[in-house]
Amino acid sequence: MRRHLPLTGIVAVAALLRLIGLGSRSLWLDEGAEYDAVRGSLGLLFERIANRESTPPLSYLYEWGSTKVIGTSEFALRLPFALVGIALVLVVYDATRLLAGRRAARLEALSEFPFV
């Protein structure tokens, strides 16, 4: 379907921008703290969150589950949230399409590009 080609291109570029170099930098302070929190068992995760964190545990549960599947390298720790960012492009597109049409949705999806 031709009408999906622009969206496919936008999502592909967004994925490329988010995934290139994802594991090339060492962990920052907050990422190191998250790595420390998600190591070990689920019970230990909740204990670490209760004693050290003031944020809700959902992101830690997501990260903990992903580390059990893909590991704990810099790339693996950043990948789950990069995937959420890629999916967000589609969510923003769909919400804007419902409210303002396809052209506005394409422009809005472009605004989700990570310019670092």
C-alpha atoms as a PDB file:
ATOM      1  CA  MET A   1       0.000   0.000   0.000  1.00  0.00           C
ATOM      2  CA  ARG A   2       1.492   3.259  -1.155  1.00  0.00           C
ATOM      3  CA  ARG A   3      -0.035   5.390   1.566  1.00  0.00           C
ATOM      4  CA  HIS A   4       2.013   3.517   4.196  1.00  0.00           C
ATOM      5  CA  LEU A   5       5.363   4.098   2.460  1.00  0.00           C
ATOM      6  CA  PRO A   6       6.032   7.518   4.050  1.00  0.00           C
ATOM      7  CA  LEU A   7       5.246   6.158   7.519  1.00  0.00           C
ATOM      8  CA  THR A   8       7.429   3.114   6.928  1.00  0.00           C
ATOM      9  CA  GLY A   9      10.293   5.395   5.927  1.00  0.00           C
ATOM     10  CA  ILE A  10       9.785   7.622   8.960  1.00  0.00           C
ATOM     11  CA  VAL A  11       9.800   4.634  11.327  1.00  0.00           C
ATOM     12  CA  ALA A  12      12.865   3.141   9.616  1.00  0.00           C
ATOM     13  CA  VAL A  13      14.842   6.391   9.954  1.00  0.00           C
ATOM     14  CA  ALA A  14      13.694   6.811  13.579  1.00  0.00           C
ATOM     15  CA  ALA A  15      14.852   3.251  14.329  1.00  0.00           C
ATOM     16  CA  LEU A  16      18.171   3.838  12.628  1.00  0.00           C
ATOM     17  CA  LEU A  17      18.791   7.064  14.541  1.00  0.00           C
ATOM     18  CA  ARG A  18      17.925   5.411  17.855  1.00  0.00           C
ATOM     19  CA  LEU A  19      19.872   2.183  17.341  1.00  0.00           C
ATOM     20  CA  ILE A  20      23.134   3.381  15.774  1.00  0.00           C
ATOM     21  CA  GLY A  21      25.775   3.714  18.466  1.00  0.00           C
ATOM     22  CA  LEU A  22      23.455   2.515  21.211  1.00  0.00           C
ATOM     23  CA  GLY A  23      26.176   0.451  22.861  1.00  0.00           C
ATOM     24  CA  SER A  24      29.189   2.533  21.915  1.00  0.00           C
ATOM     25  CA  ARG A  25      29.196   4.796  24.971  1.00  0.00           C
ATOM     26  CA  SER A  26      29.753   3.733  28.547  1.00  0.00           C
ATOM     27  CA  LEU A  27      26.908   3.975  31.054  1.00  0.00           C
ATOM     28  CA  TRP A  28      26.118   7.304  32.674  1.00  0.00           C
ATOM     29  CA  LEU A  29      25.533   7.622  36.417  1.00  0.00           C
ATOM     30  CA  ASP A  30      21.764   7.058  36.285  1.00  0.00           C
ATOM     31  CA  GLU A  31      22.185   4.148  33.858  1.00  0.00           C
ATOM     32  CA  GLY A  32      24.742   2.599  36.175  1.00  0.00           C
ATOM     33  CA  ALA A  33      22.313   2.901  39.065  1.00  0.00           C
ATOM     34  CA  GLU A  34      19.616   1.245  36.970  1.00  0.00           C
ATOM     35  CA  TYR A  35      22.044  -1.542  36.030  1.00  0.00           C
ATOM     36  CA  ASP A  36      22.754  -2.078  39.716  1.00  0.00           C
ATOM     37  CA  ALA A  37      19.025  -2.213  40.478  1.00  0.00           C
ATOM     38  CA  VAL A  38      18.103  -4.767  37.795  1.00  0.00           C
ATOM     39  CA  ARG A  39      20.876  -7.268  38.559  1.00  0.00           C
ATOM     40  CA  GLY A  40      19.730 -10.286  40.536  1.00  0.00           C
ATOM     41  CA  SER A  41      16.350 -11.682  41.461  1.00  0.00           C
ATOM     42  CA  LEU A  42      12.961  -9.995  41.260  1.00  0.00           C
ATOM     43  CA  GLY A  43      12.793  -9.813  45.066  1.00  0.00           C
ATOM     44  CA  LEU A  44      16.167  -8.079  45.159  1.00  0.00           C
ATOM     45  CA  LEU A  45      14.944  -5.640  42.501  1.00  0.00           C
ATOM     46  CA  PHE A  46      11.995  -4.588  44.679  1.00  0.00           C
ATOM     47  CA  GLU A  47      14.258  -4.290  47.706  1.00  0.00           C
ATOM     48  CA  ARG A  48      16.686  -2.049  45.819  1.00  0.00           C
ATOM     49  CA  ILE A  49      13.853   0.084  44.435  1.00  0.00           C
ATOM     50  CA  ALA A  50      12.264   0.472  47.872  1.00  0.00           C
ATOM     51  CA  ASN A  51      15.541   1.497  49.492  1.00  0.00           C
ATOM     52  CA  ARG A  52      17.081   3.679  46.771  1.00  0.00           C
ATOM     53  CA  GLU A  53      14.492   4.934  44.294  1.00  0.00           C
ATOM     54  CA  SER A  54      11.585   7.333  44.453  1.00  0.00           C
ATOM     55  CA  THR A  55      10.270   6.522  40.978  1.00  0.00           C
ATOM     56  CA  PRO A  56       7.581   3.892  40.276  1.00  0.00           C
ATOM     57  CA  PRO A  57       8.917   0.400  39.553  1.00  0.00           C
ATOM     58  CA  LEU A  58       7.332  -0.226  36.128  1.00  0.00           C
ATOM     59  CA  SER A  59      10.386   0.848  34.117  1.00  0.00           C
ATOM     60  CA  TYR A  60      12.600  -1.226  36.396  1.00  0.00           C
ATOM     61  CA  LEU A  61      10.376  -4.275  35.869  1.00  0.00           C
ATOM     62  CA  TYR A  62      10.560  -3.740  32.103  1.00  0.00           C
ATOM     63  CA  GLU A  63      14.335  -3.392  32.264  1.00  0.00           C
ATOM     64  CA  TRP A  64      14.721  -6.363  34.620  1.00  0.00           C
ATOM     65  CA  GLY A  65      12.714  -8.612  32.288  1.00  0.00           C
ATOM     66  CA  SER A  66      14.688  -7.528  29.253  1.00  0.00           C
ATOM     67  CA  THR A  67      18.034  -8.148  30.965  1.00  0.00           C
ATOM     68  CA  LYS A  68      16.963 -11.731  31.584  1.00  0.00           C
ATOM     69  CA  VAL A  69      16.418 -12.138  27.829  1.00  0.00           C
ATOM     70  CA  ILE A  70      19.120 -10.020  26.156  1.00  0.00           C
ATOM     71  CA  GLY A  71      21.775  -9.460  28.825  1.00  0.00           C
ATOM     72  CA  THR A  72      23.330  -6.473  30.552  1.00  0.00           C
ATOM     73  CA  SER A  73      25.693  -4.878  28.022  1.00  0.00           C
ATOM     74  CA  GLU A  74      25.395  -1.145  27.363  1.00  0.00           C
ATOM     75  CA  PHE A  75      23.466  -1.942  24.192  1.00  0.00           C
ATOM     76  CA  ALA A  76      21.146  -4.395  25.960  1.00  0.00           C
ATOM     77  CA  LEU A  77      20.391  -1.956  28.781  1.00  0.00           C
ATOM     78  CA  ARG A  78      19.452   0.825  26.362  1.00  0.00           C
ATOM     79  CA  LEU A  79      17.614  -1.292  23.765  1.00  0.00           C
ATOM     80  CA  PRO A  80      14.256  -1.727  25.583  1.00  0.00           C
ATOM     81  CA  PHE A  81      13.734   2.015  25.895  1.00  0.00           C
ATOM     82  CA  ALA A  82      14.952   2.622  22.328  1.00  0.00           C
ATOM     83  CA  LEU A  83      12.237   0.200  21.204  1.00  0.00           C
ATOM     84  CA  VAL A  84       9.682   2.168  23.216  1.00  0.00           C
ATOM     85  CA  GLY A  85      10.880   5.322  21.457  1.00  0.00           C
ATOM     86  CA  ILE A  86      10.465   3.679  18.057  1.00  0.00           C
ATOM     87  CA  ALA A  87       6.964   2.503  18.966  1.00  0.00           C
ATOM     88  CA  LEU A  88       6.151   6.024  20.155  1.00  0.00           C
ATOM     89  CA  VAL A  89       6.583   7.267  16.582  1.00  0.00           C
ATOM     90  CA  LEU A  90       3.693   5.002  15.555  1.00  0.00           C
ATOM     91  CA  VAL A  91       1.557   6.021  18.533  1.00  0.00           C
ATOM     92  CA  VAL A  92       2.072   9.722  17.825  1.00  0.00           C
ATOM     93  CA  TYR A  93       1.330   9.168  14.135  1.00  0.00           C
ATOM     94  CA  ASP A  94      -1.896   7.294  14.829  1.00  0.00           C
ATOM     95  CA  ALA A  95      -3.167   9.765  17.428  1.00  0.00           C
ATOM     96  CA  THR A  96      -2.435  12.741  15.187  1.00  0.00           C
ATOM     97  CA  ARG A  97      -3.978  11.015  12.154  1.00  0.00           C
ATOM     98  CA  LEU A  98      -7.222  10.569  14.068  1.00  0.00           C
ATOM     99  CA  LEU A  99      -7.264  14.212  15.158  1.00  0.00           C
ATOM    100  CA  ALA A 100      -5.801  16.075  12.191  1.00  0.00           C
ATOM    101  CA  GLY A 101      -5.311  13.803   9.188  1.00  0.00           C
ATOM    102  CA  ARG A 102      -2.456  11.942   7.483  1.00  0.00           C
ATOM    103  CA  ARG A 103      -0.349  14.929   6.425  1.00  0.00           C
ATOM    104  CA  ALA A 104      -0.264  16.365   9.931  1.00  0.00           C
ATOM    105  CA  ALA A 105       0.420  12.887  11.321  1.00  0.00           C
ATOM    106  CA  ARG A 106       3.470  12.460   9.099  1.00  0.00           C
ATOM    107  CA  LEU A 107       4.844  15.813  10.195  1.00  0.00           C
ATOM    108  CA  GLU A 108       4.199  15.009  13.835  1.00  0.00           C
ATOM    109  CA  ALA A 109       5.874  11.594  13.521  1.00  0.00           C
ATOM    110  CA  LEU A 110       8.943  13.376  12.140  1.00  0.00           C
ATOM    111  CA  SER A 111       9.047  15.473  15.306  1.00  0.00           C
ATOM    112  CA  GLU A 112       9.762  12.284  17.279  1.00  0.00           C
ATOM    113  CA  PHE A 113      13.217  11.915  15.702  1.00  0.00           C
ATOM    114  CA  PRO A 114      16.002  11.856  18.291  1.00  0.00           C
ATOM    115  CA  PHE A 115      18.402  14.652  17.444  1.00  0.00           C
ATOM    116  CA  VAL A 116      21.380  14.184  19.731  1.00  0.00           C
END
